[in-house]
Amino acid sequence: MNKKLVSLMTLGASTLPLVLASASCNVEKSGENVSKEQGLINQLSQLSKEEKAKLIDALDLKKVLSEEEKAKLVEKVHNQAGLFGAVVWYIKSVENHISRKQSFVLAKAAFDNLMKKGNSQNIEYGKNYNTIQKVENAGEGKSVPVVFMDIDETVLANDYIEGLSVYEKGFFHEGTKVDFDVKGLRREIPGAIDFINYIQSKGAVVMFNSNMPQGKKVVEGTIENLKALGLKFIEPWQFWMRGSLPYQPTSETASVLKSLRENVNRDKESVSSIKFDQTKYAAQPWLTFENWENAKALGKSVLKNTRMDAVSENQETGWNLKLADNKSGEAVKFKVIMKIGDNYNDFFDNIAPETNDERVAQYKNNPALKALFTNINGAKGQKATYDKTTKKVTFKELEWDQFYVQTPGNAEYGDWSKEYGYGAFTKIAKALEEITKDSKWQEKPTEKSIDKSIETDEATNNGTVSPSA
């Protein structure tokens, strides 16, 4: 056996783990300690991989390192180790497969219930868009129903990129994802395509509201992907992703926006200069960008809720879909009746708090919001707004009913993991420590701790609500 290995293994039980611990904790070291540590590092560098493995096996790190030091050491080996189990469960487990499928069984049942209210709420059903392949203007005083759906983990699986990002790269790189998305190779989330075909045969249309960038190649690749999976009706105007712009640019920046759409290069200066007039709707919000990074950068200023609200609110002139497909109506008015997503921010990105505890509290403490997820018969729709000055959230009741479907959450890059550095092992470990030290988990349930879901039509909240975020 290598003499250096024998020497190091002799030191291993007491000295060498301290080198690893100090490296993981970045503690200050005296000159003597630095000299000793450097000597050990020099000896380590001369060992073969097999010898290093034997040395690690000989160390008793569990006894030498604290829980915090062990977590830091794991994070140094792989910064997103905290997500390994979550991602594998999300991709491989039958439980998640069933949960995703069940989400769309629920969605279909809720849609059927909302459809029964069409006449009383001036929403027009009955057209089969899978057959006629166009969306015409609704009748006088009527609107076409819209189901807004996220794409990643809601319609199309992100399994390959999630696995690659966590296992090999250790971080999420959007360019890698975009390159894969344009190939059109993704699988469907179980039940998603069948659900879309169903509702579009009943007179509703799906619009896609994703944080995927509204880049030309991204949209084209996604359309081909959806067609290959069996989607029967799909048009470019159905894409309202990051970079779709529902409002007109100001007259001073209109030409800048036009040039930016056509620019194949990244243009940070133009992105920062564009302003919008939120009293005027854009003729074609769904137009794409040659460079997806320009779409992403500009789209950050127009949140998902802003886009979804605009679709319903343009009731004076409606949307000219004929500009996009040369066959649909020139003044189509819409009302959003459903939202489906895997992330809480897919429903309320303009008001969603940062931490998980705050997000849970926002949901639990607001009957009007809660009813949108739990009343399968449909609850009064809500427009959520956030006042930057007062830092208050308010909900304004809409004139028609809605239902929201939360599909199983994104295990890797859902906003739940933002609080934990998107899988930083030290932060995940700290969260587990806090859970074990929280006395509430060892106490009997109380009346206050029981979550009473809203299940009936009567259990809805009228008027404006000011929730505690």
Protein backbone atom coordinates (compact mmCIF):
# COMPACT_ATOMS: atom_id res chain seq x y z
CA MET A 1 0.00 0.00 0.00
CA ASN A 2 1.17 3.54 -0.76
CA LYS A 3 3.16 4.84 2.25
CA LYS A 4 1.49 8.24 1.98
CA LEU A 5 -1.91 6.57 2.13
CA VAL A 6 -0.90 4.63 5.26
CA SER A 7 0.30 7.85 6.85
CA LEU A 8 -2.89 9.72 5.98
CA MET A 9 -5.12 6.88 7.19
CA THR A 10 -3.25 6.97 10.49
CA LEU A 11 -4.11 10.65 10.78
CA GLY A 12 -7.56 10.21 9.29
CA ALA A 13 -9.59 9.60 12.41
CA SER A 14 -8.51 12.82 14.06
CA THR A 15 -6.67 15.27 11.83
CA LEU A 16 -7.81 14.92 8.24
CA PRO A 17 -11.54 15.48 8.88
CA LEU A 18 -10.62 18.82 10.42
CA VAL A 19 -9.08 19.85 7.12
CA LEU A 20 -12.34 19.00 5.37
CA ALA A 21 -14.37 20.76 8.02
CA SER A 22 -12.31 23.92 7.92
CA ALA A 23 -12.46 23.93 4.14
CA SER A 24 -16.23 23.65 4.22
CA CYS A 25 -16.68 26.30 6.91
CA ASN A 26 -14.07 28.81 5.72
CA VAL A 27 -12.75 29.34 9.25
CA GLU A 28 -9.71 31.49 9.95
CA LYS A 29 -6.49 29.49 10.45
CA SER A 30 -3.18 30.27 12.17
CA GLY A 31 0.09 29.98 10.29
CA GLU A 32 0.83 26.62 11.94
CA ASN A 33 -2.57 25.20 10.96
CA VAL A 34 -2.20 26.49 7.41
CA SER A 35 1.18 24.76 7.13
CA LYS A 36 -0.19 21.45 8.44
CA GLU A 37 -3.26 21.67 6.21
CA GLN A 38 -1.18 22.44 3.14
CA GLY A 39 1.03 19.45 3.87
CA LEU A 40 -2.00 17.16 4.03
CA ILE A 41 -3.40 18.62 0.81
CA ASN A 42 -0.08 18.03 -0.93
CA GLN A 43 -0.07 14.40 0.18
CA LEU A 44 -3.70 13.95 -0.90
CA SER A 45 -2.96 15.27 -4.38
CA GLN A 46 -0.44 12.47 -4.93
CA LEU A 47 -2.93 9.66 -4.23
CA SER A 48 -4.74 7.78 -6.98
CA LYS A 49 -8.56 7.87 -7.17
CA GLU A 50 -8.73 4.40 -5.62
CA GLU A 51 -6.46 5.43 -2.77
CA LYS A 52 -8.50 8.58 -2.14
CA ALA A 53 -11.64 6.43 -1.99
CA LYS A 54 -10.03 4.13 0.58
CA LEU A 55 -9.00 7.11 2.64
CA ILE A 56 -12.50 8.56 2.65
CA ASP A 57 -13.88 5.16 3.71
CA ALA A 58 -11.45 5.15 6.63
CA LEU A 59 -12.58 8.54 7.92
CA ASP A 60 -15.32 8.75 10.53
CA LEU A 61 -16.82 12.03 9.38
CA LYS A 62 -20.11 11.47 11.19
CA LYS A 63 -18.39 11.66 14.56
CA VAL A 64 -15.97 14.48 13.75
CA LEU A 65 -18.16 16.95 11.83
CA SER A 66 -21.22 18.76 13.15
CA GLU A 67 -24.50 18.54 11.25
CA GLU A 68 -23.89 22.02 9.84
CA GLU A 69 -20.36 21.13 8.74
CA LYS A 70 -21.58 17.94 7.07
CA ALA A 71 -24.23 19.89 5.17
CA LYS A 72 -21.63 22.39 3.95
CA LEU A 73 -19.36 19.55 2.87
CA VAL A 74 -22.17 17.91 0.87
CA GLU A 75 -22.98 21.26 -0.76
CA LYS A 76 -19.36 21.66 -1.82
CA VAL A 77 -19.52 18.26 -3.54
CA HIS A 78 -22.80 19.19 -5.27
CA ASN A 79 -24.53 22.51 -4.72
CA GLN A 80 -28.01 21.17 -5.56
CA ALA A 81 -27.81 17.85 -3.73
CA GLY A 82 -30.91 18.89 -1.80
CA LEU A 83 -33.05 18.30 -4.89
CA PHE A 84 -31.88 14.83 -5.90
CA GLY A 85 -34.68 12.89 -4.21
CA ALA A 86 -37.37 15.38 -5.20
CA VAL A 87 -36.45 15.28 -8.89
CA VAL A 88 -36.21 11.48 -9.04
CA TRP A 89 -39.59 11.14 -7.31
CA TYR A 90 -41.14 13.67 -9.66
CA ILE A 91 -39.89 11.89 -12.78
CA LYS A 92 -40.04 8.21 -11.79
CA SER A 93 -42.78 7.62 -9.22
CA VAL A 94 -46.16 6.15 -10.07
CA GLU A 95 -47.61 8.35 -7.33
CA ASN A 96 -46.70 11.50 -9.23
CA HIS A 97 -47.89 9.98 -12.52
CA ILE A 98 -51.29 9.28 -10.96
CA SER A 99 -51.48 12.71 -9.33
CA ARG A 100 -50.84 14.47 -12.62
CA LYS A 101 -53.47 12.36 -14.38
CA GLN A 102 -55.97 13.01 -11.60
CA SER A 103 -55.39 16.75 -11.94
CA PHE A 104 -56.89 16.69 -15.41
CA VAL A 105 -59.78 14.45 -14.38
CA LEU A 106 -60.58 17.17 -11.84
CA ALA A 107 -60.06 19.89 -14.44
CA LYS A 108 -62.48 18.26 -16.88
CA ALA A 109 -65.17 17.88 -14.20
CA ALA A 110 -64.78 21.52 -13.16
CA PHE A 111 -64.91 22.66 -16.80
CA ASP A 112 -68.18 20.79 -17.32
CA ASN A 113 -69.64 22.55 -14.27
CA LEU A 114 -68.55 25.97 -15.53
CA MET A 115 -69.97 25.23 -18.96
CA LYS A 116 -73.44 24.82 -17.41
CA LYS A 117 -73.26 28.48 -16.33
CA GLY A 118 -72.41 29.77 -19.80
CA ASN A 119 -75.75 31.35 -20.70
CA SER A 120 -76.24 33.08 -17.34
CA GLN A 121 -72.71 34.54 -17.44
CA ASN A 122 -72.67 35.52 -21.14
CA ILE A 123 -70.01 32.99 -22.07
CA GLU A 124 -70.45 31.20 -25.38
CA TYR A 125 -69.77 27.48 -25.67
CA GLY A 126 -70.76 25.00 -28.37
CA LYS A 127 -68.17 25.43 -31.16
CA ASN A 128 -65.83 22.56 -32.02
CA TYR A 129 -62.53 24.26 -32.75
CA ASN A 130 -60.85 20.93 -33.42
CA THR A 131 -63.10 20.66 -36.47
CA ILE A 132 -63.61 24.22 -37.74
CA GLN A 133 -59.98 25.22 -37.03
CA LYS A 134 -60.77 28.88 -36.33
CA VAL A 135 -62.26 31.04 -33.57
CA GLU A 136 -64.94 33.45 -34.69
CA ASN A 137 -66.36 36.48 -32.91
CA ALA A 138 -68.78 35.49 -30.16
CA GLY A 139 -72.42 36.56 -30.32
CA GLU A 140 -73.61 39.99 -29.18
CA GLY A 141 -72.66 40.55 -25.55
CA LYS A 142 -70.93 37.17 -25.34
CA SER A 143 -67.32 36.08 -24.79
CA VAL A 144 -65.30 33.01 -25.76
CA PRO A 145 -64.12 31.06 -22.68
CA VAL A 146 -60.36 30.72 -22.14
CA VAL A 147 -58.40 28.20 -20.11
CA PHE A 148 -54.92 29.54 -19.35
CA MET A 149 -52.29 26.82 -18.93
CA ASP A 150 -48.66 26.91 -17.98
CA ILE A 151 -46.44 24.71 -20.22
CA ASP A 152 -43.44 23.38 -18.27
CA GLU A 153 -44.60 20.54 -15.97
CA THR A 154 -48.25 21.37 -16.75
CA VAL A 155 -48.55 20.43 -20.43
CA LEU A 156 -45.04 19.31 -21.40
CA ALA A 157 -42.67 17.36 -19.16
CA ASN A 158 -39.30 18.85 -18.38
CA ASP A 159 -37.81 15.57 -17.18
CA TYR A 160 -34.63 15.40 -19.24
CA ILE A 161 -33.51 18.97 -18.57
CA GLU A 162 -34.39 18.71 -14.87
CA GLY A 163 -32.35 15.53 -14.51
CA LEU A 164 -29.46 16.95 -16.51
CA SER A 165 -29.44 20.25 -14.63
CA VAL A 166 -29.36 18.70 -11.19
CA TYR A 167 -27.14 15.68 -11.80
CA GLU A 168 -24.58 16.92 -14.28
CA LYS A 169 -24.55 20.71 -14.34
CA GLY A 170 -25.53 21.44 -10.75
CA PHE A 171 -27.41 24.56 -11.83
CA PHE A 172 -30.21 25.59 -14.18
CA HIS A 173 -29.05 27.00 -17.50
CA GLU A 174 -31.92 28.42 -19.55
CA GLY A 175 -29.96 28.35 -22.79
CA THR A 176 -29.62 24.57 -22.50
CA LYS A 177 -33.36 24.26 -21.92
CA VAL A 178 -34.22 26.49 -24.89
CA ASP A 179 -31.95 24.47 -27.18
CA PHE A 180 -33.81 21.32 -26.13
CA ASP A 181 -37.30 22.86 -26.30
CA VAL A 182 -36.93 23.92 -29.94
CA LYS A 183 -36.29 20.29 -30.92
CA GLY A 184 -39.86 19.38 -29.96
CA LEU A 185 -38.94 16.13 -28.18
CA ARG A 186 -40.80 16.55 -24.90
CA ARG A 187 -43.46 14.15 -23.58
CA GLU A 188 -46.86 15.26 -22.37
CA ILE A 189 -47.91 15.53 -18.77
CA PRO A 190 -50.40 12.64 -18.37
CA GLY A 191 -53.89 13.81 -19.29
CA ALA A 192 -52.94 17.28 -20.57
CA ILE A 193 -53.41 16.79 -24.33
CA ASP A 194 -56.66 14.88 -23.87
CA PHE A 195 -57.98 17.71 -21.67
CA ILE A 196 -57.06 20.41 -24.19
CA ASN A 197 -58.66 18.52 -27.07
CA TYR A 198 -61.78 18.02 -24.94
CA ILE A 199 -62.37 21.64 -23.98
CA GLN A 200 -61.54 22.92 -27.48
CA SER A 201 -64.21 20.57 -28.83
CA LYS A 202 -66.70 22.27 -26.48
CA GLY A 203 -66.10 25.89 -27.47
CA ALA A 204 -63.31 26.95 -25.12
CA VAL A 205 -59.75 27.75 -26.17
CA VAL A 206 -56.47 27.19 -24.36
CA MET A 207 -53.90 29.95 -24.11
CA PHE A 208 -50.38 29.14 -22.97
CA ASN A 209 -49.00 31.36 -20.23
CA SER A 210 -45.47 30.24 -19.47
CA ASN A 211 -42.17 31.71 -18.37
CA MET A 212 -40.70 30.11 -21.47
CA PRO A 213 -39.47 33.00 -23.64
CA GLN A 214 -41.64 34.16 -26.56
CA GLY A 215 -38.84 33.44 -29.02
CA LYS A 216 -39.70 32.54 -32.61
CA LYS A 217 -37.97 29.16 -32.58
CA VAL A 218 -39.29 28.34 -29.11
CA VAL A 219 -42.91 28.89 -30.17
CA GLU A 220 -42.45 27.05 -33.46
CA GLY A 221 -40.78 24.09 -31.75
CA THR A 222 -43.48 23.93 -29.08
CA ILE A 223 -46.26 23.99 -31.67
CA GLU A 224 -44.68 21.07 -33.54
CA ASN A 225 -44.17 19.24 -30.24
CA LEU A 226 -47.85 19.64 -29.30
CA LYS A 227 -49.03 18.55 -32.74
CA ALA A 228 -46.86 15.44 -32.55
CA LEU A 229 -48.48 14.58 -29.21
CA GLY A 230 -51.95 14.74 -30.78
CA LEU A 231 -53.16 18.30 -30.18
CA LYS A 232 -55.87 18.95 -32.77
CA PHE A 233 -56.10 22.75 -32.78
CA ILE A 234 -53.18 25.10 -32.21
CA GLU A 235 -52.39 28.60 -33.49
CA PRO A 236 -49.61 31.13 -32.74
CA TRP A 237 -52.06 33.57 -31.10
CA GLN A 238 -52.56 31.05 -28.28
CA PHE A 239 -49.04 31.72 -26.96
CA TRP A 240 -48.85 34.39 -24.24
CA MET A 241 -45.48 33.48 -22.77
CA ARG A 242 -42.73 35.68 -21.33
CA GLY A 243 -42.27 38.42 -23.91
CA SER A 244 -45.88 38.53 -25.10
CA LEU A 245 -46.93 42.14 -24.68
CA PRO A 246 -50.65 42.96 -24.26
CA TYR A 247 -50.17 46.74 -24.31
CA GLN A 248 -48.91 49.08 -26.99
CA PRO A 249 -45.47 50.63 -26.64
CA THR A 250 -45.43 54.40 -26.31
CA SER A 251 -45.14 56.27 -29.60
CA GLU A 252 -41.53 57.14 -28.77
CA THR A 253 -40.48 53.50 -28.38
CA ALA A 254 -42.70 51.69 -30.92
CA SER A 255 -39.97 51.61 -33.58
CA VAL A 256 -37.45 50.40 -31.00
CA LEU A 257 -39.70 47.45 -30.12
CA LYS A 258 -40.17 46.56 -33.78
CA SER A 259 -36.41 46.51 -34.32
CA LEU A 260 -35.89 44.53 -31.14
CA ARG A 261 -38.25 41.79 -32.34
CA GLU A 262 -36.23 41.45 -35.54
CA ASN A 263 -32.80 41.66 -33.93
CA VAL A 264 -30.99 38.30 -33.86
CA ASN A 265 -28.55 39.65 -31.27
CA ARG A 266 -29.02 40.40 -27.59
CA ASP A 267 -29.85 44.10 -27.13
CA LYS A 268 -29.90 45.16 -23.47
CA GLU A 269 -30.01 48.89 -24.23
CA SER A 270 -33.17 48.67 -26.34
CA VAL A 271 -34.90 46.44 -23.79
CA SER A 272 -34.38 48.97 -21.01
CA SER A 273 -35.68 51.88 -23.11
CA ILE A 274 -39.09 50.48 -24.11
CA LYS A 275 -42.15 51.84 -22.29
CA PHE A 276 -45.81 50.84 -22.55
CA ASP A 277 -49.15 52.65 -22.60
CA GLN A 278 -51.44 50.50 -20.47
CA THR A 279 -54.55 52.27 -21.74
CA LYS A 280 -54.11 50.82 -25.24
CA TYR A 281 -54.09 47.14 -26.16
CA ALA A 282 -51.52 45.81 -28.60
CA ALA A 283 -52.79 44.57 -31.96
CA GLN A 284 -50.81 41.31 -31.70
CA PRO A 285 -49.49 40.55 -28.21
CA TRP A 286 -48.40 37.10 -29.36
CA LEU A 287 -45.72 38.31 -31.79
CA THR A 288 -42.36 36.60 -31.26
CA PHE A 289 -38.72 37.69 -31.03
CA GLU A 290 -35.87 36.42 -33.19
CA ASN A 291 -33.62 36.37 -30.11
CA TRP A 292 -35.28 34.60 -27.17
CA GLU A 293 -33.12 36.47 -24.64
CA ASN A 294 -34.68 39.78 -25.74
CA ALA A 295 -38.12 38.25 -25.20
CA LYS A 296 -37.14 37.04 -21.74
CA ALA A 297 -35.60 40.36 -20.68
CA LEU A 298 -38.50 42.51 -21.87
CA GLY A 299 -41.05 40.01 -20.62
CA LYS A 300 -39.85 40.32 -17.03
CA SER A 301 -41.69 43.63 -16.81
CA VAL A 302 -45.01 42.06 -17.88
CA LEU A 303 -46.08 39.42 -15.36
CA LYS A 304 -48.30 36.41 -16.00
CA ASN A 305 -51.24 37.98 -14.19
CA THR A 306 -50.93 41.12 -16.29
CA ARG A 307 -51.16 39.07 -19.46
CA MET A 308 -54.08 36.96 -18.24
CA ASP A 309 -56.03 39.97 -16.99
CA ALA A 310 -55.58 41.76 -20.31
CA VAL A 311 -57.09 38.85 -22.25
CA SER A 312 -60.39 39.24 -20.39
CA GLU A 313 -60.36 43.02 -20.03
CA ASN A 314 -60.17 43.91 -23.72
CA GLN A 315 -63.96 43.96 -24.06
CA GLU A 316 -64.34 47.12 -26.11
CA THR A 317 -62.68 46.01 -29.34
CA GLY A 318 -61.70 42.41 -28.67
CA TRP A 319 -58.67 40.73 -30.21
CA ASN A 320 -58.02 40.56 -33.95
CA LEU A 321 -57.01 36.92 -34.36
CA LYS A 322 -57.27 37.17 -38.12
CA LEU A 323 -53.97 39.06 -38.14
CA ALA A 324 -52.32 35.85 -36.94
CA ASP A 325 -54.12 33.05 -38.81
CA ASN A 326 -56.02 34.78 -41.69
CA LYS A 327 -59.26 33.00 -40.81
CA SER A 328 -60.44 33.74 -37.26
CA GLY A 329 -62.50 36.67 -36.02
CA GLU A 330 -61.37 40.30 -36.04
CA ALA A 331 -62.96 41.24 -32.70
CA VAL A 332 -62.91 38.17 -30.47
CA LYS A 333 -63.73 38.89 -26.84
CA PHE A 334 -62.54 36.44 -24.20
CA LYS A 335 -63.17 35.61 -20.56
CA VAL A 336 -60.68 33.52 -18.59
CA ILE A 337 -62.64 30.77 -16.81
CA MET A 338 -59.81 28.47 -15.68
CA LYS A 339 -56.12 28.58 -14.84
CA ILE A 340 -53.96 25.45 -14.64
CA GLY A 341 -50.37 25.37 -13.44
CA ASP A 342 -47.79 23.47 -11.41
CA ASN A 343 -46.57 26.53 -9.52
CA TYR A 344 -48.47 28.89 -7.21
CA ASN A 345 -46.98 31.78 -9.19
CA ASP A 346 -48.79 30.49 -12.30
CA PHE A 347 -51.95 31.88 -10.70
CA PHE A 348 -50.74 34.87 -8.67
CA ASP A 349 -47.23 35.90 -9.67
CA ASN A 350 -48.04 39.56 -9.00
CA ILE A 351 -48.97 38.99 -5.35
CA ALA A 352 -47.20 35.76 -4.34
CA PRO A 353 -44.96 36.22 -1.27
CA GLU A 354 -41.36 35.00 -1.20
CA THR A 355 -41.35 32.39 1.58
CA ASN A 356 -43.33 29.16 1.78
CA ASP A 357 -44.88 30.03 5.14
CA GLU A 358 -46.15 33.33 3.74
CA ARG A 359 -47.49 31.65 0.60
CA VAL A 360 -49.38 29.03 2.61
CA ALA A 361 -50.79 31.75 4.87
CA GLN A 362 -51.94 33.80 1.89
CA TYR A 363 -53.85 30.81 0.55
CA LYS A 364 -55.32 29.67 3.87
CA ASN A 365 -56.39 33.09 5.11
CA ASN A 366 -58.37 34.22 2.07
CA PRO A 367 -61.73 32.53 1.44
CA ALA A 368 -62.20 34.08 -2.02
CA LEU A 369 -58.80 32.86 -3.19
CA LYS A 370 -59.21 29.46 -1.58
CA ALA A 371 -62.59 28.91 -3.22
CA LEU A 372 -61.03 29.19 -6.67
CA PHE A 373 -59.05 26.00 -5.96
CA THR A 374 -61.62 24.07 -3.92
CA ASN A 375 -65.10 24.83 -5.24
CA ILE A 376 -65.42 22.43 -8.18
CA ASN A 377 -68.70 24.10 -9.18
CA GLY A 378 -66.83 27.34 -9.76
CA ALA A 379 -66.37 30.38 -7.53
CA LYS A 380 -66.47 34.06 -8.41
CA GLY A 381 -63.34 34.97 -10.32
CA GLN A 382 -60.90 37.35 -8.67
CA LYS A 383 -58.53 39.99 -10.02
CA ALA A 384 -55.54 40.27 -7.71
CA THR A 385 -53.59 43.52 -7.40
CA TYR A 386 -50.62 44.65 -5.34
CA ASP A 387 -50.16 48.25 -4.23
CA LYS A 388 -46.41 49.00 -4.11
CA THR A 389 -46.97 52.05 -1.92
CA THR A 390 -49.09 50.46 0.81
CA LYS A 391 -47.70 46.95 0.16
CA LYS A 392 -51.23 45.58 0.34
CA VAL A 393 -52.88 42.89 -1.75
CA THR A 394 -56.52 43.23 -2.79
CA PHE A 395 -58.93 41.02 -4.70
CA LYS A 396 -61.70 42.43 -6.87
CA GLU A 397 -64.58 40.12 -7.70
CA LEU A 398 -65.25 39.43 -11.39
CA GLU A 399 -68.68 38.98 -12.95
CA TRP A 400 -68.17 35.33 -13.87
CA ASP A 401 -67.02 32.13 -12.19
CA GLN A 402 -63.61 30.50 -12.42
CA PHE A 403 -61.79 27.39 -11.22
CA TYR A 404 -58.04 26.89 -10.74
CA VAL A 405 -56.20 23.56 -10.92
CA GLN A 406 -52.88 23.13 -9.11
CA THR A 407 -51.03 20.21 -10.68
CA PRO A 408 -48.24 18.48 -8.67
CA GLY A 409 -45.56 21.09 -8.02
CA ASN A 410 -42.33 21.45 -9.91
CA ALA A 411 -39.81 19.54 -7.81
CA GLU A 412 -36.74 21.33 -9.11
CA TYR A 413 -37.33 24.95 -9.99
CA GLY A 414 -40.75 25.68 -8.56
CA ASP A 415 -40.88 28.86 -6.52
CA TRP A 416 -41.13 26.77 -3.36
CA SER A 417 -37.38 26.08 -3.71
CA LYS A 418 -36.37 29.72 -4.21
CA GLU A 419 -36.30 30.19 -0.44
CA TYR A 420 -33.74 27.37 -0.26
CA GLY A 421 -31.42 28.58 -2.98
CA TYR A 422 -33.08 26.23 -5.47
CA GLY A 423 -31.77 23.16 -3.68
CA ALA A 424 -28.72 24.42 -1.77
CA PHE A 425 -28.07 21.54 0.62
CA THR A 426 -27.22 23.75 3.60
CA LYS A 427 -30.54 25.58 3.30
CA ILE A 428 -32.54 22.37 2.87
CA ALA A 429 -30.77 20.89 5.91
CA LYS A 430 -31.49 24.05 7.92
CA ALA A 431 -35.18 23.84 7.00
CA LEU A 432 -35.30 20.23 8.21
CA GLU A 433 -33.61 21.24 11.46
CA GLU A 434 -36.20 23.97 12.03
CA ILE A 435 -39.02 21.52 11.36
CA THR A 436 -37.68 19.06 13.94
CA LYS A 437 -37.37 21.85 16.52
CA ASP A 438 -40.86 23.28 15.92
CA SER A 439 -42.98 22.16 18.87
CA LYS A 440 -46.25 22.28 16.90
CA TRP A 441 -45.44 18.95 15.24
CA GLN A 442 -45.46 17.25 18.63
CA GLU A 443 -48.70 18.80 19.88
CA LYS A 444 -52.28 17.65 19.43
CA PRO A 445 -54.22 19.29 16.55
CA THR A 446 -56.40 22.21 17.56
CA GLU A 447 -59.48 23.75 16.01
CA LYS A 448 -57.28 26.54 14.66
CA SER A 449 -54.84 24.13 13.01
CA ILE A 450 -57.49 22.25 11.02
CA ASP A 451 -57.72 23.35 7.38
CA LYS A 452 -61.41 23.66 6.53
CA SER A 453 -61.74 23.58 2.75
CA ILE A 454 -64.45 25.48 0.92
CA GLU A 455 -66.69 23.05 -0.92
CA THR A 456 -70.04 24.72 -1.69
CA ASP A 457 -71.30 27.49 -3.93
CA GLU A 458 -72.36 29.46 -0.88
CA ALA A 459 -68.85 29.42 0.60
CA THR A 460 -67.51 32.23 -1.54
CA ASN A 461 -66.47 35.70 -0.55
CA ASN A 462 -68.14 38.73 -2.09
CA GLY A 463 -66.47 42.08 -2.65
CA THR A 464 -62.89 43.10 -2.20
CA VAL A 465 -60.65 41.21 0.17
CA SER A 466 -57.45 42.50 1.75
CA PRO A 467 -55.45 39.38 2.60
CA SER A 468 -52.54 39.17 4.96
CA ALA A 469 -49.64 38.16 2.75
